[in-house]
All heavy atoms as atom14 arrays in JSON, in Angstrom:
{
  "sequence": "AIYYAAADGSKISRQRADMMGPNGIGLSPDGKTLYASETMTAR",
  "atom14_mask": [
    [1, 1, 1, 1, 1, 0, 0, 0, 0, 0, 0, 0, 0, 0],
    [1, 1, 1, 1, 1, 1, 1, 1, 0, 0, 0, 0, 0, 0],
    [1, 1, 1, 1, 1, 1, 1, 1, 1, 1, 1, 1, 0, 0],
    [1, 1, 1, 1, 1, 1, 1, 1, 1, 1, 1, 1, 0, 0],
    [1, 1, 1, 1, 1, 0, 0, 0, 0, 0, 0, 0, 0, 0],
    [1, 1, 1, 1, 1, 0, 0, 0, 0, 0, 0, 0, 0, 0],
    [1, 1, 1, 1, 1, 0, 0, 0, 0, 0, 0, 0, 0, 0],
    [1, 1, 1, 1, 1, 1, 1, 1, 0, 0, 0, 0, 0, 0],
    [1, 1, 1, 1, 0, 0, 0, 0, 0, 0, 0, 0, 0, 0],
    [1, 1, 1, 1, 1, 1, 0, 0, 0, 0, 0, 0, 0, 0],
    [1, 1, 1, 1, 1, 1, 1, 1, 1, 0, 0, 0, 0, 0],
    [1, 1, 1, 1, 1, 1, 1, 1, 0, 0, 0, 0, 0, 0],
    [1, 1, 1, 1, 1, 1, 0, 0, 0, 0, 0, 0, 0, 0],
    [1, 1, 1, 1, 1, 1, 1, 1, 1, 1, 1, 0, 0, 0],
    [1, 1, 1, 1, 1, 1, 1, 1, 1, 0, 0, 0, 0, 0],
    [1, 1, 1, 1, 1, 1, 1, 1, 1, 1, 1, 0, 0, 0],
    [1, 1, 1, 1, 1, 0, 0, 0, 0, 0, 0, 0, 0, 0],
    [1, 1, 1, 1, 1, 1, 1, 1, 0, 0, 0, 0, 0, 0],
    [1, 1, 1, 1, 1, 1, 1, 1, 0, 0, 0, 0, 0, 0],
    [1, 1, 1, 1, 1, 1, 1, 1, 0, 0, 0, 0, 0, 0],
    [1, 1, 1, 1, 0, 0, 0, 0, 0, 0, 0, 0, 0, 0],
    [1, 1, 1, 1, 1, 1, 1, 0, 0, 0, 0, 0, 0, 0],
    [1, 1, 1, 1, 1, 1, 1, 1, 0, 0, 0, 0, 0, 0],
    [1, 1, 1, 1, 0, 0, 0, 0, 0, 0, 0, 0, 0, 0],
    [1, 1, 1, 1, 1, 1, 1, 1, 0, 0, 0, 0, 0, 0],
    [1, 1, 1, 1, 0, 0, 0, 0, 0, 0, 0, 0, 0, 0],
    [1, 1, 1, 1, 1, 1, 1, 1, 0, 0, 0, 0, 0, 0],
    [1, 1, 1, 1, 1, 1, 0, 0, 0, 0, 0, 0, 0, 0],
    [1, 1, 1, 1, 1, 1, 1, 0, 0, 0, 0, 0, 0, 0],
    [1, 1, 1, 1, 1, 1, 1, 1, 0, 0, 0, 0, 0, 0],
    [1, 1, 1, 1, 0, 0, 0, 0, 0, 0, 0, 0, 0, 0],
    [1, 1, 1, 1, 1, 1, 1, 1, 1, 0, 0, 0, 0, 0],
    [1, 1, 1, 1, 1, 1, 1, 0, 0, 0, 0, 0, 0, 0],
    [1, 1, 1, 1, 1, 1, 1, 1, 0, 0, 0, 0, 0, 0],
    [1, 1, 1, 1, 1, 1, 1, 1, 1, 1, 1, 1, 0, 0],
    [1, 1, 1, 1, 1, 0, 0, 0, 0, 0, 0, 0, 0, 0],
    [1, 1, 1, 1, 1, 1, 0, 0, 0, 0, 0, 0, 0, 0],
    [1, 1, 1, 1, 1, 1, 1, 1, 1, 0, 0, 0, 0, 0],
    [1, 1, 1, 1, 1, 1, 1, 0, 0, 0, 0, 0, 0, 0],
    [1, 1, 1, 1, 1, 1, 1, 1, 0, 0, 0, 0, 0, 0],
    [1, 1, 1, 1, 1, 1, 1, 0, 0, 0, 0, 0, 0, 0],
    [1, 1, 1, 1, 1, 0, 0, 0, 0, 0, 0, 0, 0, 0],
    [1, 1, 1, 1, 1, 1, 1, 1, 1, 1, 1, 0, 0, 0]
  ],
  "atom14_positions": [
    [[23.77, -111.85, -51.2], [24.85, -112.05, -50.21], [25.49, -113.4, -50.34], [25.0, -114.29, -51.09], [24.21, -111.93, -48.78], [0.0, 0.0, 0.0], [0.0, 0.0, 0.0], [0.0, 0.0, 0.0], [0.0, 0.0, 0.0], [0.0, 0.0, 0.0], [0.0, 0.0, 0.0], [0.0, 0.0, 0.0], [0.0, 0.0, 0.0], [0.0, 0.0, 0.0]],
    [[26.65, -113.53, -49.67], [27.32, -114.78, -49.64], [27.3, -115.32, -48.2], [27.61, -114.55, -47.27], [28.76, -114.69, -50.12], [28.8, -114.43, -51.62], [29.62, -115.97, -49.84], [30.19, -114.19, -52.25], [0.0, 0.0, 0.0], [0.0, 0.0, 0.0], [0.0, 0.0, 0.0], [0.0, 0.0, 0.0], [0.0, 0.0, 0.0], [0.0, 0.0, 0.0]],
    [[27.03, -116.61, -47.99], [26.9, -117.21, -46.64], [27.84, -118.35, -46.57], [28.2, -119.02, -47.57], [25.49, -117.67, -46.36], [24.4, -116.56, -46.34], [23.81, -116.07, -47.42], [24.12, -116.07, -45.04], [22.84, -115.06, -47.33], [23.15, -115.02, -44.97], [22.52, -114.49, -46.09], [21.56, -113.56, -45.94], [0.0, 0.0, 0.0], [0.0, 0.0, 0.0]],
    [[28.07, -118.7, -45.35], [28.78, -120.03, -45.05], [27.97, -120.77, -43.97], [27.44, -120.13, -43.05], [30.23, -119.74, -44.48], [31.03, -121.01, -44.28], [31.7, -121.6, -45.36], [31.16, -121.56, -43.06], [32.41, -122.77, -45.16], [31.9, -122.75, -42.79], [32.52, -123.37, -43.9], [33.29, -124.46, -43.73], [0.0, 0.0, 0.0], [0.0, 0.0, 0.0]],
    [[27.87, -122.05, -44.12], [27.05, -122.79, -43.27], [27.62, -124.2, -42.96], [28.3, -124.8, -43.82], [25.6, -122.91, -43.86], [0.0, 0.0, 0.0], [0.0, 0.0, 0.0], [0.0, 0.0, 0.0], [0.0, 0.0, 0.0], [0.0, 0.0, 0.0], [0.0, 0.0, 0.0], [0.0, 0.0, 0.0], [0.0, 0.0, 0.0], [0.0, 0.0, 0.0]],
    [[27.23, -124.8, -41.82], [27.62, -126.12, -41.42], [26.58, -127.09, -42.04], [25.38, -126.8, -42.18], [27.61, -126.23, -39.88], [0.0, 0.0, 0.0], [0.0, 0.0, 0.0], [0.0, 0.0, 0.0], [0.0, 0.0, 0.0], [0.0, 0.0, 0.0], [0.0, 0.0, 0.0], [0.0, 0.0, 0.0], [0.0, 0.0, 0.0], [0.0, 0.0, 0.0]],
    [[27.09, -128.22, -42.45], [26.27, -129.24, -43.12], [25.22, -129.88, -42.28], [24.22, -130.43, -42.71], [27.1, -130.29, -43.77], [0.0, 0.0, 0.0], [0.0, 0.0, 0.0], [0.0, 0.0, 0.0], [0.0, 0.0, 0.0], [0.0, 0.0, 0.0], [0.0, 0.0, 0.0], [0.0, 0.0, 0.0], [0.0, 0.0, 0.0], [0.0, 0.0, 0.0]],
    [[25.32, -129.73, -40.93], [24.34, -130.38, -40.03], [23.29, -129.41, -39.59], [22.4, -129.72, -38.78], [25.12, -130.94, -38.76], [25.75, -129.83, -37.92], [25.64, -128.67, -38.31], [26.39, -130.23, -36.9], [0.0, 0.0, 0.0], [0.0, 0.0, 0.0], [0.0, 0.0, 0.0], [0.0, 0.0, 0.0], [0.0, 0.0, 0.0], [0.0, 0.0, 0.0]],
    [[23.29, -128.21, -40.15], [22.18, -127.28, -39.87], [22.36, -126.41, -38.65], [21.45, -125.7, -38.2], [0.0, 0.0, 0.0], [0.0, 0.0, 0.0], [0.0, 0.0, 0.0], [0.0, 0.0, 0.0], [0.0, 0.0, 0.0], [0.0, 0.0, 0.0], [0.0, 0.0, 0.0], [0.0, 0.0, 0.0], [0.0, 0.0, 0.0], [0.0, 0.0, 0.0]],
    [[23.54, -126.52, -38.03], [23.8, -125.9, -36.74], [24.3, -124.48, -36.78], [24.18, -123.8, -35.74], [24.86, -126.75, -35.91], [26.11, -126.74, -36.55], [0.0, 0.0, 0.0], [0.0, 0.0, 0.0], [0.0, 0.0, 0.0], [0.0, 0.0, 0.0], [0.0, 0.0, 0.0], [0.0, 0.0, 0.0], [0.0, 0.0, 0.0], [0.0, 0.0, 0.0]],
    [[24.82, -124.04, -37.88], [25.44, -122.64, -37.84], [25.49, -122.06, -39.28], [25.82, -122.73, -40.24], [26.87, -122.73, -37.34], [27.59, -121.44, -37.18], [28.96, -121.61, -36.64], [29.71, -120.3, -36.49], [31.13, -120.49, -35.95], [0.0, 0.0, 0.0], [0.0, 0.0, 0.0], [0.0, 0.0, 0.0], [0.0, 0.0, 0.0], [0.0, 0.0, 0.0]],
    [[25.15, -120.78, -39.34], [25.15, -120.07, -40.64], [25.67, -118.69, -40.34], [25.34, -118.1, -39.31], [23.74, -120.01, -41.28], [23.81, -119.31, -42.64], [22.75, -119.44, -40.41], [22.52, -119.39, -43.45], [0.0, 0.0, 0.0], [0.0, 0.0, 0.0], [0.0, 0.0, 0.0], [0.0, 0.0, 0.0], [0.0, 0.0, 0.0], [0.0, 0.0, 0.0]],
    [[26.5, -118.17, -41.26], [27.05, -116.87, -41.15], [27.02, -116.1, -42.49], [27.2, -116.74, -43.51], [28.44, -116.8, -40.5], [29.35, -117.39, -41.46], [0.0, 0.0, 0.0], [0.0, 0.0, 0.0], [0.0, 0.0, 0.0], [0.0, 0.0, 0.0], [0.0, 0.0, 0.0], [0.0, 0.0, 0.0], [0.0, 0.0, 0.0], [0.0, 0.0, 0.0]],
    [[26.74, -114.81, -42.47], [26.74, -113.98, -43.61], [28.13, -113.37, -43.81], [28.55, -112.61, -42.96], [25.66, -113.02, -43.65], [25.54, -112.16, -44.97], [24.27, -111.5, -45.09], [23.9, -110.56, -43.96], [22.67, -110.21, -43.62], [21.64, -110.6, -44.28], [22.53, -109.42, -42.55], [0.0, 0.0, 0.0], [0.0, 0.0, 0.0], [0.0, 0.0, 0.0]],
    [[28.84, -113.73, -44.86], [30.2, -113.29, -45.04], [30.38, -112.18, -46.02], [31.45, -111.55, -46.04], [31.04, -114.51, -45.49], [31.25, -115.59, -44.43], [32.08, -114.96, -43.28], [33.14, -114.45, -43.51], [31.6, -115.08, -42.04], [0.0, 0.0, 0.0], [0.0, 0.0, 0.0], [0.0, 0.0, 0.0], [0.0, 0.0, 0.0], [0.0, 0.0, 0.0]],
    [[29.39, -111.92, -46.84], [29.49, -110.76, -47.73], [28.05, -110.27, -48.01], [27.29, -111.03, -48.55], [30.2, -111.12, -48.99], [30.69, -110.0, -49.81], [31.82, -109.14, -49.11], [33.13, -109.44, -49.5], [34.12, -109.87, -48.66], [33.79, -110.13, -47.47], [35.32, -110.1, -49.15], [0.0, 0.0, 0.0], [0.0, 0.0, 0.0], [0.0, 0.0, 0.0]],
    [[27.68, -109.03, -47.65], [26.37, -108.56, -47.85], [26.36, -107.52, -48.96], [27.44, -107.05, -49.48], [25.92, -107.89, -46.58], [0.0, 0.0, 0.0], [0.0, 0.0, 0.0], [0.0, 0.0, 0.0], [0.0, 0.0, 0.0], [0.0, 0.0, 0.0], [0.0, 0.0, 0.0], [0.0, 0.0, 0.0], [0.0, 0.0, 0.0], [0.0, 0.0, 0.0]],
    [[25.18, -107.18, -49.42], [24.99, -106.09, -50.39], [25.74, -106.3, -51.7], [26.19, -105.32, -52.32], [25.34, -104.74, -49.74], [24.54, -104.39, -48.5], [23.36, -104.76, -48.6], [25.04, -103.86, -47.59], [0.0, 0.0, 0.0], [0.0, 0.0, 0.0], [0.0, 0.0, 0.0], [0.0, 0.0, 0.0], [0.0, 0.0, 0.0], [0.0, 0.0, 0.0]],
    [[25.85, -107.5, -52.21], [26.39, -107.76, -53.51], [25.22, -107.57, -54.52], [23.94, -107.6, -54.16], [26.94, -109.1, -53.62], [28.17, -109.35, -52.75], [29.03, -110.93, -53.05], [29.71, -110.72, -54.68], [0.0, 0.0, 0.0], [0.0, 0.0, 0.0], [0.0, 0.0, 0.0], [0.0, 0.0, 0.0], [0.0, 0.0, 0.0], [0.0, 0.0, 0.0]],
    [[25.53, -107.5, -55.76], [24.56, -107.19, -56.82], [24.16, -108.53, -57.51], [24.59, -108.78, -58.63], [25.09, -106.2, -57.81], [25.35, -104.81, -57.19], [23.85, -104.05, -56.53], [22.96, -103.75, -58.03], [0.0, 0.0, 0.0], [0.0, 0.0, 0.0], [0.0, 0.0, 0.0], [0.0, 0.0, 0.0], [0.0, 0.0, 0.0], [0.0, 0.0, 0.0]],
    [[23.48, -109.33, -56.78], [22.99, -110.64, -57.36], [24.12, -111.63, -57.56], [24.29, -112.14, -58.7], [0.0, 0.0, 0.0], [0.0, 0.0, 0.0], [0.0, 0.0, 0.0], [0.0, 0.0, 0.0], [0.0, 0.0, 0.0], [0.0, 0.0, 0.0], [0.0, 0.0, 0.0], [0.0, 0.0, 0.0], [0.0, 0.0, 0.0], [0.0, 0.0, 0.0]],
    [[24.84, -112.07, -56.5], [25.79, -113.09, -56.7], [25.18, -114.36, -57.15], [24.1, -114.77, -56.63], [26.52, -113.16, -55.31], [25.41, -112.71, -54.35], [24.68, -111.66, -55.07], [0.0, 0.0, 0.0], [0.0, 0.0, 0.0], [0.0, 0.0, 0.0], [0.0, 0.0, 0.0], [0.0, 0.0, 0.0], [0.0, 0.0, 0.0], [0.0, 0.0, 0.0]],
    [[25.74, -115.1, -58.05], [25.2, -116.29, -58.65], [26.14, -117.47, -58.48], [26.01, -118.26, -57.53], [24.86, -115.98, -60.09], [23.98, -117.02, -60.75], [24.2, -118.24, -60.48], [23.09, -116.64, -61.6], [0.0, 0.0, 0.0], [0.0, 0.0, 0.0], [0.0, 0.0, 0.0], [0.0, 0.0, 0.0], [0.0, 0.0, 0.0], [0.0, 0.0, 0.0]],
    [[27.09, -117.6, -59.38], [28.01, -118.79, -59.27], [29.01, -118.62, -58.13], [29.36, -117.44, -57.79], [0.0, 0.0, 0.0], [0.0, 0.0, 0.0], [0.0, 0.0, 0.0], [0.0, 0.0, 0.0], [0.0, 0.0, 0.0], [0.0, 0.0, 0.0], [0.0, 0.0, 0.0], [0.0, 0.0, 0.0], [0.0, 0.0, 0.0], [0.0, 0.0, 0.0]],
    [[29.46, -119.74, -57.56], [30.41, -119.68, -56.51], [31.37, -120.85, -56.61], [30.96, -121.96, -57.02], [29.73, -119.7, -55.14], [30.69, -119.23, -53.97], [29.04, -121.0, -54.79], [29.94, -118.82, -52.72], [0.0, 0.0, 0.0], [0.0, 0.0, 0.0], [0.0, 0.0, 0.0], [0.0, 0.0, 0.0], [0.0, 0.0, 0.0], [0.0, 0.0, 0.0]],
    [[32.66, -120.64, -56.35], [33.63, -121.75, -56.46], [34.89, -121.43, -55.69], [35.1, -120.32, -55.27], [0.0, 0.0, 0.0], [0.0, 0.0, 0.0], [0.0, 0.0, 0.0], [0.0, 0.0, 0.0], [0.0, 0.0, 0.0], [0.0, 0.0, 0.0], [0.0, 0.0, 0.0], [0.0, 0.0, 0.0], [0.0, 0.0, 0.0], [0.0, 0.0, 0.0]],
    [[35.68, -122.42, -55.42], [36.91, -122.35, -54.62], [38.12, -122.56, -55.56], [38.06, -123.45, -56.44], [36.91, -123.41, -53.55], [35.89, -123.16, -52.36], [35.75, -124.4, -51.53], [36.41, -121.99, -51.55], [0.0, 0.0, 0.0], [0.0, 0.0, 0.0], [0.0, 0.0, 0.0], [0.0, 0.0, 0.0], [0.0, 0.0, 0.0], [0.0, 0.0, 0.0]],
    [[39.25, -121.85, -55.28], [40.4, -122.03, -55.99], [40.97, -123.46, -55.65], [40.65, -124.06, -54.62], [41.48, -121.01, -55.6], [41.72, -121.05, -54.13], [0.0, 0.0, 0.0], [0.0, 0.0, 0.0], [0.0, 0.0, 0.0], [0.0, 0.0, 0.0], [0.0, 0.0, 0.0], [0.0, 0.0, 0.0], [0.0, 0.0, 0.0], [0.0, 0.0, 0.0]],
    [[41.87, -123.97, -56.48], [42.36, -125.34, -56.25], [43.03, -125.47, -54.9], [42.96, -126.58, -54.26], [43.41, -125.52, -57.38], [42.85, -124.73, -58.47], [42.27, -123.47, -57.84], [0.0, 0.0, 0.0], [0.0, 0.0, 0.0], [0.0, 0.0, 0.0], [0.0, 0.0, 0.0], [0.0, 0.0, 0.0], [0.0, 0.0, 0.0], [0.0, 0.0, 0.0]],
    [[43.64, -124.46, -54.29], [44.27, -124.54, -53.02], [43.29, -124.21, -51.87], [43.65, -124.28, -50.71], [45.52, -123.66, -52.89], [45.15, -122.17, -53.03], [44.03, -121.83, -53.15], [46.14, -121.37, -53.1], [0.0, 0.0, 0.0], [0.0, 0.0, 0.0], [0.0, 0.0, 0.0], [0.0, 0.0, 0.0], [0.0, 0.0, 0.0], [0.0, 0.0, 0.0]],
    [[42.05, -123.88, -52.19], [41.01, -123.67, -51.17], [41.19, -122.32, -50.44], [40.46, -122.08, -49.48], [0.0, 0.0, 0.0], [0.0, 0.0, 0.0], [0.0, 0.0, 0.0], [0.0, 0.0, 0.0], [0.0, 0.0, 0.0], [0.0, 0.0, 0.0], [0.0, 0.0, 0.0], [0.0, 0.0, 0.0], [0.0, 0.0, 0.0], [0.0, 0.0, 0.0]],
    [[42.09, -121.46, -50.9], [42.35, -120.2, -50.2], [41.6, -119.0, -50.69], [41.6, -117.93, -50.11], [43.85, -119.9, -50.21], [44.67, -120.95, -49.48], [46.18, -120.62, -49.47], [46.96, -121.69, -48.74], [48.42, -121.33, -48.83], [0.0, 0.0, 0.0], [0.0, 0.0, 0.0], [0.0, 0.0, 0.0], [0.0, 0.0, 0.0], [0.0, 0.0, 0.0]],
    [[40.98, -119.17, -51.9], [40.23, -118.08, -52.54], [38.83, -118.51, -52.91], [38.65, -119.64, -53.45], [40.94, -117.6, -53.8], [42.36, -117.25, -53.49], [40.29, -116.37, -54.42], [0.0, 0.0, 0.0], [0.0, 0.0, 0.0], [0.0, 0.0, 0.0], [0.0, 0.0, 0.0], [0.0, 0.0, 0.0], [0.0, 0.0, 0.0], [0.0, 0.0, 0.0]],
    [[37.88, -117.65, -52.63], [36.43, -117.92, -53.0], [36.15, -117.02, -54.19], [36.51, -115.82, -54.16], [35.51, -117.57, -51.88], [34.02, -117.87, -52.08], [33.84, -119.39, -52.03], [33.15, -117.18, -51.1], [0.0, 0.0, 0.0], [0.0, 0.0, 0.0], [0.0, 0.0, 0.0], [0.0, 0.0, 0.0], [0.0, 0.0, 0.0], [0.0, 0.0, 0.0]],
    [[35.62, -117.59, -55.24], [35.16, -116.79, -56.45], [33.65, -116.75, -56.48], [32.96, -117.67, -56.07], [35.69, -117.47, -57.69], [37.19, -117.54, -57.81], [37.82, -118.79, -57.8], [37.96, -116.37, -57.96], [39.19, -118.86, -57.88], [39.34, -116.47, -58.08], [39.95, -117.76, -58.03], [41.28, -117.78, -58.19], [0.0, 0.0, 0.0], [0.0, 0.0, 0.0]],
    [[33.18, -115.63, -56.89], [31.72, -115.42, -57.1], [31.43, -114.57, -58.37], [32.22, -113.66, -58.61], [31.02, -114.77, -55.92], [0.0, 0.0, 0.0], [0.0, 0.0, 0.0], [0.0, 0.0, 0.0], [0.0, 0.0, 0.0], [0.0, 0.0, 0.0], [0.0, 0.0, 0.0], [0.0, 0.0, 0.0], [0.0, 0.0, 0.0], [0.0, 0.0, 0.0]],
    [[30.46, -114.93, -59.09], [30.03, -114.19, -60.26], [28.76, -113.43, -60.04], [27.88, -113.97, -59.32], [29.86, -115.11, -61.47], [28.82, -116.11, -61.23], [0.0, 0.0, 0.0], [0.0, 0.0, 0.0], [0.0, 0.0, 0.0], [0.0, 0.0, 0.0], [0.0, 0.0, 0.0], [0.0, 0.0, 0.0], [0.0, 0.0, 0.0], [0.0, 0.0, 0.0]],
    [[28.7, -112.21, -60.4], [27.45, -111.41, -60.26], [26.79, -111.41, -61.66], [27.45, -111.15, -62.68], [27.72, -109.99, -59.85], [28.11, -109.83, -58.39], [28.37, -108.42, -58.03], [28.83, -107.62, -58.92], [28.15, -108.04, -56.88], [0.0, 0.0, 0.0], [0.0, 0.0, 0.0], [0.0, 0.0, 0.0], [0.0, 0.0, 0.0], [0.0, 0.0, 0.0]],
    [[25.47, -111.72, -61.69], [24.78, -111.92, -63.03], [24.67, -110.6, -63.78], [25.21, -110.48, -64.9], [23.44, -112.53, -62.78], [23.6, -113.83, -62.22], [22.71, -112.71, -64.11], [0.0, 0.0, 0.0], [0.0, 0.0, 0.0], [0.0, 0.0, 0.0], [0.0, 0.0, 0.0], [0.0, 0.0, 0.0], [0.0, 0.0, 0.0], [0.0, 0.0, 0.0]],
    [[24.1, -109.61, -63.24], [23.69, -108.44, -63.98], [24.91, -107.49, -64.2], [24.98, -106.83, -65.24], [22.5, -107.7, -63.34], [21.23, -108.51, -63.18], [20.67, -109.31, -64.73], [20.21, -107.82, -65.7], [0.0, 0.0, 0.0], [0.0, 0.0, 0.0], [0.0, 0.0, 0.0], [0.0, 0.0, 0.0], [0.0, 0.0, 0.0], [0.0, 0.0, 0.0]],
    [[25.82, -107.48, -63.32], [27.05, -106.64, -63.55], [28.02, -107.42, -64.39], [29.02, -106.82, -64.87], [27.74, -106.27, -62.15], [28.32, -107.48, -61.59], [26.74, -105.64, -61.2], [0.0, 0.0, 0.0], [0.0, 0.0, 0.0], [0.0, 0.0, 0.0], [0.0, 0.0, 0.0], [0.0, 0.0, 0.0], [0.0, 0.0, 0.0], [0.0, 0.0, 0.0]],
    [[27.85, -108.72, -64.52], [28.74, -109.57, -65.34], [30.15, -109.42, -64.86], [31.12, -109.42, -65.6], [28.67, -109.22, -66.81], [0.0, 0.0, 0.0], [0.0, 0.0, 0.0], [0.0, 0.0, 0.0], [0.0, 0.0, 0.0], [0.0, 0.0, 0.0], [0.0, 0.0, 0.0], [0.0, 0.0, 0.0], [0.0, 0.0, 0.0], [0.0, 0.0, 0.0]],
    [[30.38, -109.52, -63.54], [31.73, -109.43, -62.96], [31.95, -110.68, -62.16], [31.13, -111.27, -61.51], [31.79, -108.18, -62.07], [31.83, -106.88, -62.82], [31.64, -105.73, -61.92], [31.66, -104.44, -62.64], [31.06, -103.33, -62.24], [30.44, -103.31, -61.06], [31.08, -102.28, -62.95], [0.0, 0.0, 0.0], [0.0, 0.0, 0.0], [0.0, 0.0, 0.0]]
  ]
}
């Protein structure tokens, strides 16, 4: 799954569930797109 959380430990939310092993995560230069790589599906 993919989560988003506050740095002070106060809040966490699950934003994408049931992915097939998400691994890498990154933001586009404009901050409007989240990228994630799945290891075993190689997507």
